[in-house]
Amino acid sequence: MSNITRFDPFAADPMSDLFHGLFRPLRGGAGGEMQLADIKVDVTEGDTQYTVKAELPGVEKDDIDVKIDGNLVSISAKVERKHELKEGERVIRRERYSGAVSRSFSLESEIDEAAAAAQYKDGVLSLTLPKKAASERKRLPIN
């Protein structure tokens, strides 16, 4: 015999994401601030290198930090928006965010950190990450 269960439309399942934020006030989260967006990345692999393109709109070049540790790539950035209100003005809706965001991911091969390059143009960070040469595997003789 099958069990009968109650359906909870707001339970933690993929369909609950459909209603996420639907009943949020017009001003966004607490204090009228919207949550910081995620860094969107495209990663492609060639024979000798990886190419990463990360969207970071509205971020200054000096506020971006990229770290490479073996095959782990970490991108972080901070965005600061100045709240300029003239006398008699009030904020009705604020969607431009302030804060910090980061993204880390691992690649299949280790990266040659010395030869890696980064370029930032029009809100897109482009990373060229050469693969380290595969080290020769040495077979140990068994005595």
N, C-alpha and C. Protein backbone atom coordinates (compact mmCIF):
# COMPACT_ATOMS: atom_id res chain seq x y z
N MET A 1 0.84 -1.17 0.00
CA MET A 1 0.00 0.00 0.00
C MET A 1 0.89 1.24 0.00
N SER A 2 0.51 2.27 -0.71
CA SER A 2 1.33 3.48 -0.80
C SER A 2 1.02 4.44 0.34
N ASN A 3 2.00 5.25 0.65
CA ASN A 3 1.84 6.24 1.71
C ASN A 3 1.25 7.52 1.15
N ILE A 4 0.40 8.14 1.91
CA ILE A 4 -0.18 9.42 1.52
C ILE A 4 0.59 10.51 2.25
N THR A 5 1.07 11.51 1.48
CA THR A 5 1.80 12.63 2.08
C THR A 5 1.15 13.93 1.64
N ARG A 6 1.30 14.94 2.46
CA ARG A 6 0.78 16.26 2.12
C ARG A 6 1.78 16.99 1.24
N PHE A 7 1.29 17.73 0.31
CA PHE A 7 2.14 18.51 -0.57
C PHE A 7 2.37 19.89 0.06
N ASP A 8 3.64 20.24 0.22
CA ASP A 8 4.01 21.55 0.73
C ASP A 8 4.65 22.34 -0.40
N PRO A 9 3.95 23.35 -0.98
CA PRO A 9 4.51 24.05 -2.14
C PRO A 9 5.75 24.87 -1.83
N PHE A 10 6.03 25.16 -0.55
CA PHE A 10 7.20 25.96 -0.20
C PHE A 10 8.31 25.13 0.42
N ALA A 11 8.24 23.82 0.28
CA ALA A 11 9.31 22.95 0.79
C ALA A 11 10.55 23.13 -0.07
N ALA A 12 11.70 22.67 0.43
CA ALA A 12 12.96 22.81 -0.29
C ALA A 12 13.02 21.82 -1.45
N ASP A 13 12.52 22.25 -2.59
CA ASP A 13 12.61 21.45 -3.81
C ASP A 13 12.77 22.41 -4.97
N PRO A 14 13.07 21.93 -6.16
CA PRO A 14 13.31 22.83 -7.29
C PRO A 14 12.14 23.77 -7.60
N MET A 15 10.93 23.33 -7.34
CA MET A 15 9.79 24.18 -7.64
C MET A 15 9.68 25.37 -6.68
N SER A 16 10.27 25.25 -5.48
CA SER A 16 10.18 26.36 -4.53
C SER A 16 10.97 27.57 -5.03
N ASP A 17 11.97 27.35 -5.89
CA ASP A 17 12.71 28.47 -6.44
C ASP A 17 11.84 29.35 -7.33
N LEU A 18 10.77 28.78 -7.82
CA LEU A 18 9.84 29.53 -8.65
C LEU A 18 9.22 30.69 -7.88
N PHE A 19 8.98 30.48 -6.59
CA PHE A 19 8.33 31.49 -5.77
C PHE A 19 9.31 32.31 -4.93
N HIS A 20 10.61 32.01 -5.02
CA HIS A 20 11.61 32.70 -4.22
C HIS A 20 11.61 34.19 -4.58
N GLY A 21 11.41 35.03 -3.59
CA GLY A 21 11.46 36.47 -3.82
C GLY A 21 10.18 37.05 -4.35
N LEU A 22 9.15 36.24 -4.54
CA LEU A 22 7.89 36.74 -5.10
C LEU A 22 7.22 37.71 -4.15
N PHE A 23 7.31 37.43 -2.86
CA PHE A 23 6.62 38.26 -1.88
C PHE A 23 7.55 39.25 -1.19
N ARG A 24 8.71 39.48 -1.76
CA ARG A 24 9.67 40.43 -1.21
C ARG A 24 9.17 41.84 -1.47
N PRO A 25 9.39 42.78 -0.55
CA PRO A 25 8.95 44.16 -0.78
C PRO A 25 9.67 44.77 -1.98
N LEU A 26 9.11 45.83 -2.50
CA LEU A 26 9.65 46.47 -3.69
C LEU A 26 11.07 46.95 -3.50
N ARG A 27 11.45 47.31 -2.30
CA ARG A 27 12.78 47.86 -2.05
C ARG A 27 13.86 46.81 -1.97
N GLY A 28 13.55 45.55 -2.09
CA GLY A 28 14.57 44.51 -2.01
C GLY A 28 14.64 43.93 -0.63
N GLY A 29 15.84 43.52 -0.23
CA GLY A 29 16.03 42.87 1.07
C GLY A 29 16.02 43.88 2.20
N ALA A 30 16.61 43.53 3.31
CA ALA A 30 16.64 44.39 4.49
C ALA A 30 17.36 45.68 4.17
N GLY A 31 16.75 46.79 4.54
CA GLY A 31 17.37 48.09 4.33
C GLY A 31 17.34 48.53 2.88
N GLY A 32 16.57 47.89 2.03
CA GLY A 32 16.46 48.30 0.64
C GLY A 32 17.60 47.83 -0.24
N GLU A 33 18.50 47.00 0.27
CA GLU A 33 19.63 46.52 -0.52
C GLU A 33 19.30 45.18 -1.15
N MET A 34 19.63 45.03 -2.40
CA MET A 34 19.43 43.76 -3.10
C MET A 34 20.62 42.87 -2.81
N GLN A 35 20.43 41.57 -2.93
CA GLN A 35 21.51 40.62 -2.72
C GLN A 35 22.49 40.70 -3.88
N LEU A 36 23.76 40.52 -3.58
CA LEU A 36 24.82 40.62 -4.58
C LEU A 36 24.71 39.47 -5.58
N ALA A 37 24.90 39.76 -6.84
CA ALA A 37 24.78 38.76 -7.89
C ALA A 37 25.99 37.83 -7.89
N ASP A 38 25.82 36.66 -8.47
CA ASP A 38 26.91 35.71 -8.61
C ASP A 38 27.79 36.09 -9.80
N ILE A 39 29.03 35.62 -9.78
CA ILE A 39 29.93 35.81 -10.91
C ILE A 39 29.62 34.71 -11.92
N LYS A 40 29.26 35.09 -13.11
CA LYS A 40 28.99 34.13 -14.18
C LYS A 40 30.28 33.90 -14.95
N VAL A 41 30.65 32.62 -15.16
CA VAL A 41 31.90 32.30 -15.85
C VAL A 41 31.67 31.34 -17.00
N ASP A 42 32.49 31.48 -18.02
CA ASP A 42 32.59 30.52 -19.12
C ASP A 42 34.02 30.01 -19.10
N VAL A 43 34.19 28.70 -19.10
CA VAL A 43 35.53 28.09 -19.08
C VAL A 43 35.65 27.20 -20.31
N THR A 44 36.68 27.43 -21.10
CA THR A 44 36.95 26.58 -22.26
C THR A 44 38.35 26.00 -22.10
N GLU A 45 38.54 24.81 -22.68
CA GLU A 45 39.82 24.12 -22.57
C GLU A 45 40.38 23.85 -23.95
N GLY A 46 41.67 24.17 -24.10
CA GLY A 46 42.40 23.82 -25.31
C GLY A 46 43.44 22.77 -24.97
N ASP A 47 44.30 22.47 -25.91
CA ASP A 47 45.34 21.46 -25.66
C ASP A 47 46.35 21.93 -24.61
N THR A 48 46.66 23.23 -24.61
CA THR A 48 47.72 23.72 -23.73
C THR A 48 47.25 24.71 -22.67
N GLN A 49 45.99 25.15 -22.74
CA GLN A 49 45.55 26.18 -21.80
C GLN A 49 44.04 26.16 -21.59
N TYR A 50 43.64 26.82 -20.51
CA TYR A 50 42.23 27.09 -20.24
C TYR A 50 41.99 28.57 -20.49
N THR A 51 40.79 28.91 -20.92
CA THR A 51 40.38 30.30 -21.06
C THR A 51 39.13 30.50 -20.22
N VAL A 52 39.17 31.50 -19.36
CA VAL A 52 38.05 31.80 -18.49
C VAL A 52 37.58 33.21 -18.79
N LYS A 53 36.27 33.37 -18.96
CA LYS A 53 35.66 34.69 -19.11
C LYS A 53 34.65 34.84 -17.99
N ALA A 54 34.82 35.87 -17.17
CA ALA A 54 33.95 36.11 -16.01
C ALA A 54 33.30 37.48 -16.14
N GLU A 55 31.99 37.53 -15.94
CA GLU A 55 31.26 38.79 -16.02
C GLU A 55 31.33 39.50 -14.67
N LEU A 56 31.88 40.71 -14.70
CA LEU A 56 31.99 41.54 -13.50
C LEU A 56 31.60 42.97 -13.85
N PRO A 57 30.34 43.21 -14.21
CA PRO A 57 29.94 44.56 -14.64
C PRO A 57 29.99 45.56 -13.49
N GLY A 58 30.46 46.76 -13.78
CA GLY A 58 30.49 47.82 -12.80
C GLY A 58 31.58 47.72 -11.77
N VAL A 59 32.54 46.82 -11.96
CA VAL A 59 33.63 46.63 -11.02
C VAL A 59 34.87 47.32 -11.56
N GLU A 60 35.58 48.01 -10.69
CA GLU A 60 36.84 48.63 -11.08
C GLU A 60 37.93 47.55 -11.16
N LYS A 61 38.87 47.75 -12.08
CA LYS A 61 39.95 46.77 -12.28
C LYS A 61 40.75 46.54 -11.00
N ASP A 62 40.96 47.58 -10.21
CA ASP A 62 41.76 47.46 -8.98
C ASP A 62 41.03 46.70 -7.88
N ASP A 63 39.72 46.51 -8.00
CA ASP A 63 38.93 45.82 -6.98
C ASP A 63 38.74 44.34 -7.28
N ILE A 64 39.43 43.82 -8.30
CA ILE A 64 39.34 42.40 -8.68
C ILE A 64 40.59 41.68 -8.18
N ASP A 65 40.40 40.50 -7.61
CA ASP A 65 41.51 39.70 -7.11
C ASP A 65 41.38 38.28 -7.67
N VAL A 66 42.42 37.78 -8.31
CA VAL A 66 42.44 36.42 -8.86
C VAL A 66 43.58 35.67 -8.20
N LYS A 67 43.26 34.49 -7.65
CA LYS A 67 44.27 33.65 -7.02
C LYS A 67 44.26 32.28 -7.67
N ILE A 68 45.46 31.73 -7.86
CA ILE A 68 45.60 30.40 -8.46
C ILE A 68 46.42 29.55 -7.50
N ASP A 69 45.90 28.39 -7.15
CA ASP A 69 46.61 27.47 -6.26
C ASP A 69 46.49 26.07 -6.86
N GLY A 70 47.51 25.65 -7.59
CA GLY A 70 47.46 24.34 -8.26
C GLY A 70 46.43 24.35 -9.37
N ASN A 71 45.31 23.65 -9.16
CA ASN A 71 44.25 23.64 -10.17
C ASN A 71 43.02 24.41 -9.68
N LEU A 72 43.12 25.11 -8.54
CA LEU A 72 42.02 25.88 -7.98
C LEU A 72 42.15 27.34 -8.38
N VAL A 73 41.08 27.89 -8.97
CA VAL A 73 41.05 29.28 -9.39
C VAL A 73 40.00 30.00 -8.55
N SER A 74 40.39 31.13 -7.95
CA SER A 74 39.48 31.92 -7.13
C SER A 74 39.43 33.34 -7.67
N ILE A 75 38.21 33.83 -7.90
CA ILE A 75 38.01 35.20 -8.37
C ILE A 75 37.15 35.91 -7.33
N SER A 76 37.60 37.07 -6.89
CA SER A 76 36.80 37.86 -5.94
C SER A 76 36.83 39.32 -6.38
N ALA A 77 35.75 40.03 -6.04
CA ALA A 77 35.65 41.44 -6.40
C ALA A 77 34.79 42.15 -5.37
N LYS A 78 35.01 43.45 -5.25
CA LYS A 78 34.15 44.23 -4.37
C LYS A 78 33.61 45.42 -5.16
N VAL A 79 32.37 45.76 -4.84
CA VAL A 79 31.69 46.85 -5.52
C VAL A 79 31.20 47.82 -4.46
N GLU A 80 31.52 49.07 -4.63
CA GLU A 80 31.05 50.09 -3.71
C GLU A 80 30.27 51.13 -4.50
N ARG A 81 29.03 51.33 -4.10
CA ARG A 81 28.18 52.34 -4.72
C ARG A 81 27.96 53.46 -3.70
N LYS A 82 28.16 54.67 -4.13
CA LYS A 82 27.91 55.79 -3.24
C LYS A 82 26.44 56.15 -3.34
N HIS A 83 25.84 56.33 -2.18
CA HIS A 83 24.41 56.67 -2.12
C HIS A 83 24.28 58.18 -2.08
N GLU A 84 24.06 58.76 -3.25
CA GLU A 84 23.93 60.20 -3.34
C GLU A 84 22.46 60.56 -3.44
N LEU A 85 21.95 61.18 -2.39
CA LEU A 85 20.57 61.64 -2.37
C LEU A 85 20.58 63.15 -2.21
N LYS A 86 19.80 63.79 -3.04
CA LYS A 86 19.65 65.24 -2.91
C LYS A 86 18.56 65.50 -1.89
N GLU A 87 18.55 66.69 -1.38
CA GLU A 87 17.55 67.05 -0.37
C GLU A 87 16.15 66.91 -0.96
N GLY A 88 15.31 66.24 -0.22
CA GLY A 88 13.93 66.05 -0.67
C GLY A 88 13.73 64.78 -1.49
N GLU A 89 14.80 64.06 -1.83
CA GLU A 89 14.68 62.81 -2.59
C GLU A 89 14.54 61.64 -1.64
N ARG A 90 13.88 60.59 -2.11
CA ARG A 90 13.80 59.34 -1.36
C ARG A 90 13.97 58.19 -2.33
N VAL A 91 14.50 57.10 -1.83
CA VAL A 91 14.74 55.93 -2.66
C VAL A 91 13.44 55.14 -2.78
N ILE A 92 13.02 54.89 -3.99
CA ILE A 92 11.83 54.08 -4.23
C ILE A 92 12.22 52.65 -4.51
N ARG A 93 13.28 52.46 -5.28
CA ARG A 93 13.76 51.12 -5.61
C ARG A 93 15.26 51.18 -5.82
N ARG A 94 15.99 50.26 -5.20
CA ARG A 94 17.43 50.21 -5.36
C ARG A 94 17.80 48.80 -5.77
N GLU A 95 18.29 48.63 -7.00
CA GLU A 95 18.68 47.32 -7.51
C GLU A 95 20.18 47.23 -7.74
N ARG A 96 20.86 48.34 -7.77
CA ARG A 96 22.32 48.30 -7.92
C ARG A 96 22.89 47.91 -6.58
N TYR A 97 23.77 46.93 -6.60
CA TYR A 97 24.27 46.34 -5.36
C TYR A 97 25.61 46.90 -4.95
N SER A 98 25.91 46.73 -3.67
CA SER A 98 27.21 47.04 -3.10
C SER A 98 27.63 45.84 -2.27
N GLY A 99 28.92 45.59 -2.22
CA GLY A 99 29.40 44.48 -1.41
C GLY A 99 30.51 43.72 -2.10
N ALA A 100 30.71 42.49 -1.67
CA ALA A 100 31.77 41.64 -2.22
C ALA A 100 31.17 40.35 -2.75
N VAL A 101 31.82 39.81 -3.75
CA VAL A 101 31.38 38.56 -4.36
C VAL A 101 32.63 37.75 -4.70
N SER A 102 32.52 36.43 -4.63
CA SER A 102 33.66 35.59 -4.98
C SER A 102 33.16 34.30 -5.61
N ARG A 103 34.06 33.67 -6.34
CA ARG A 103 33.75 32.42 -7.02
C ARG A 103 35.02 31.60 -7.10
N SER A 104 34.95 30.32 -6.75
CA SER A 104 36.09 29.42 -6.85
C SER A 104 35.67 28.17 -7.60
N PHE A 105 36.59 27.65 -8.39
CA PHE A 105 36.33 26.41 -9.11
C PHE A 105 37.66 25.73 -9.38
N SER A 106 37.59 24.41 -9.55
CA SER A 106 38.83 23.66 -9.83
C SER A 106 38.79 23.16 -11.27
N LEU A 107 39.98 23.08 -11.84
CA LEU A 107 40.15 22.60 -13.21
C LEU A 107 40.82 21.24 -13.16
N GLU A 108 40.78 20.53 -14.27
CA GLU A 108 41.32 19.17 -14.31
C GLU A 108 42.83 19.14 -14.19
N SER A 109 43.50 20.09 -14.84
CA SER A 109 44.98 20.13 -14.82
C SER A 109 45.46 21.28 -13.95
N GLU A 110 46.68 21.17 -13.44
CA GLU A 110 47.28 22.26 -12.68
C GLU A 110 47.65 23.39 -13.63
N ILE A 111 47.65 24.60 -13.07
CA ILE A 111 47.90 25.80 -13.86
C ILE A 111 49.33 26.28 -13.66
N ASP A 112 49.97 26.72 -14.74
CA ASP A 112 51.29 27.34 -14.68
C ASP A 112 51.09 28.80 -14.27
N GLU A 113 51.21 29.07 -12.98
CA GLU A 113 50.91 30.39 -12.43
C GLU A 113 51.80 31.48 -13.02
N ALA A 114 53.04 31.16 -13.31
CA ALA A 114 53.98 32.16 -13.82
C ALA A 114 53.60 32.65 -15.22
N ALA A 115 52.95 31.81 -16.00
CA ALA A 115 52.61 32.18 -17.38
C ALA A 115 51.15 32.62 -17.52
N ALA A 116 50.38 32.62 -16.44
CA ALA A 116 48.97 33.00 -16.50
C ALA A 116 48.85 34.50 -16.77
N ALA A 117 47.78 34.89 -17.47
CA ALA A 117 47.56 36.30 -17.80
C ALA A 117 46.09 36.65 -17.58
N ALA A 118 45.85 37.93 -17.23
CA ALA A 118 44.49 38.41 -17.00
C ALA A 118 44.30 39.75 -17.71
N GLN A 119 43.08 39.95 -18.23
CA GLN A 119 42.74 41.20 -18.90
C GLN A 119 41.31 41.54 -18.53
N TYR A 120 41.01 42.81 -18.26
CA TYR A 120 39.67 43.26 -17.90
C TYR A 120 39.24 44.36 -18.85
N LYS A 121 38.14 44.11 -19.56
CA LYS A 121 37.65 45.08 -20.53
C LYS A 121 36.15 44.97 -20.65
N ASP A 122 35.46 46.10 -20.59
CA ASP A 122 34.00 46.18 -20.77
C ASP A 122 33.24 45.26 -19.82
N GLY A 123 33.70 45.16 -18.56
CA GLY A 123 32.99 44.36 -17.57
C GLY A 123 33.23 42.87 -17.65
N VAL A 124 34.18 42.44 -18.49
CA VAL A 124 34.48 41.01 -18.63
C VAL A 124 35.95 40.78 -18.29
N LEU A 125 36.19 39.90 -17.33
CA LEU A 125 37.54 39.50 -16.96
C LEU A 125 37.90 38.28 -17.79
N SER A 126 39.00 38.36 -18.54
CA SER A 126 39.47 37.24 -19.36
C SER A 126 40.77 36.71 -18.77
N LEU A 127 40.78 35.43 -18.46
CA LEU A 127 41.97 34.78 -17.92
C LEU A 127 42.50 33.77 -18.92
N THR A 128 43.80 33.78 -19.15
CA THR A 128 44.46 32.76 -19.95
C THR A 128 45.32 31.97 -18.99
N LEU A 129 44.97 30.70 -18.80
CA LEU A 129 45.61 29.86 -17.80
C LEU A 129 46.30 28.67 -18.46
N PRO A 130 47.61 28.78 -18.74
CA PRO A 130 48.33 27.67 -19.37
C PRO A 130 48.42 26.48 -18.42
N LYS A 131 48.31 25.30 -18.99
CA LYS A 131 48.44 24.07 -18.20
C LYS A 131 49.91 23.82 -17.91
N LYS A 132 50.18 23.26 -16.73
CA LYS A 132 51.54 22.85 -16.42
C LYS A 132 51.88 21.63 -17.24
N ALA A 133 53.13 21.53 -17.65
CA ALA A 133 53.57 20.36 -18.40
C ALA A 133 53.45 19.14 -17.50
N ALA A 134 52.95 18.08 -18.07
CA ALA A 134 52.79 16.85 -17.30
C ALA A 134 54.16 16.33 -16.89
N SER A 135 54.31 16.08 -15.63
CA SER A 135 55.60 15.57 -15.17
C SER A 135 55.70 14.10 -15.51
N GLU A 136 56.92 13.70 -15.76
CA GLU A 136 57.12 12.29 -16.10
C GLU A 136 56.89 11.43 -14.87
N ARG A 137 56.19 10.38 -15.06
CA ARG A 137 55.95 9.46 -13.96
C ARG A 137 57.08 8.45 -13.93
N LYS A 138 57.62 8.29 -12.76
CA LYS A 138 58.74 7.39 -12.61
C LYS A 138 58.20 6.10 -11.96
N ARG A 139 58.55 5.00 -12.56
CA ARG A 139 58.14 3.71 -12.03
C ARG A 139 59.19 3.25 -11.03
N LEU A 140 58.75 2.96 -9.82
CA LEU A 140 59.67 2.50 -8.79
C LEU A 140 59.84 1.00 -8.89
N PRO A 141 61.10 0.55 -8.93
CA PRO A 141 61.32 -0.90 -8.95
C PRO A 141 61.04 -1.47 -7.55
N ILE A 142 60.46 -2.64 -7.53
CA ILE A 142 60.14 -3.31 -6.27
C ILE A 142 61.24 -4.32 -5.99
N ASN A 143 61.88 -4.24 -4.84
CA ASN A 143 62.96 -5.14 -4.45
C ASN A 143 62.41 -6.37 -3.76
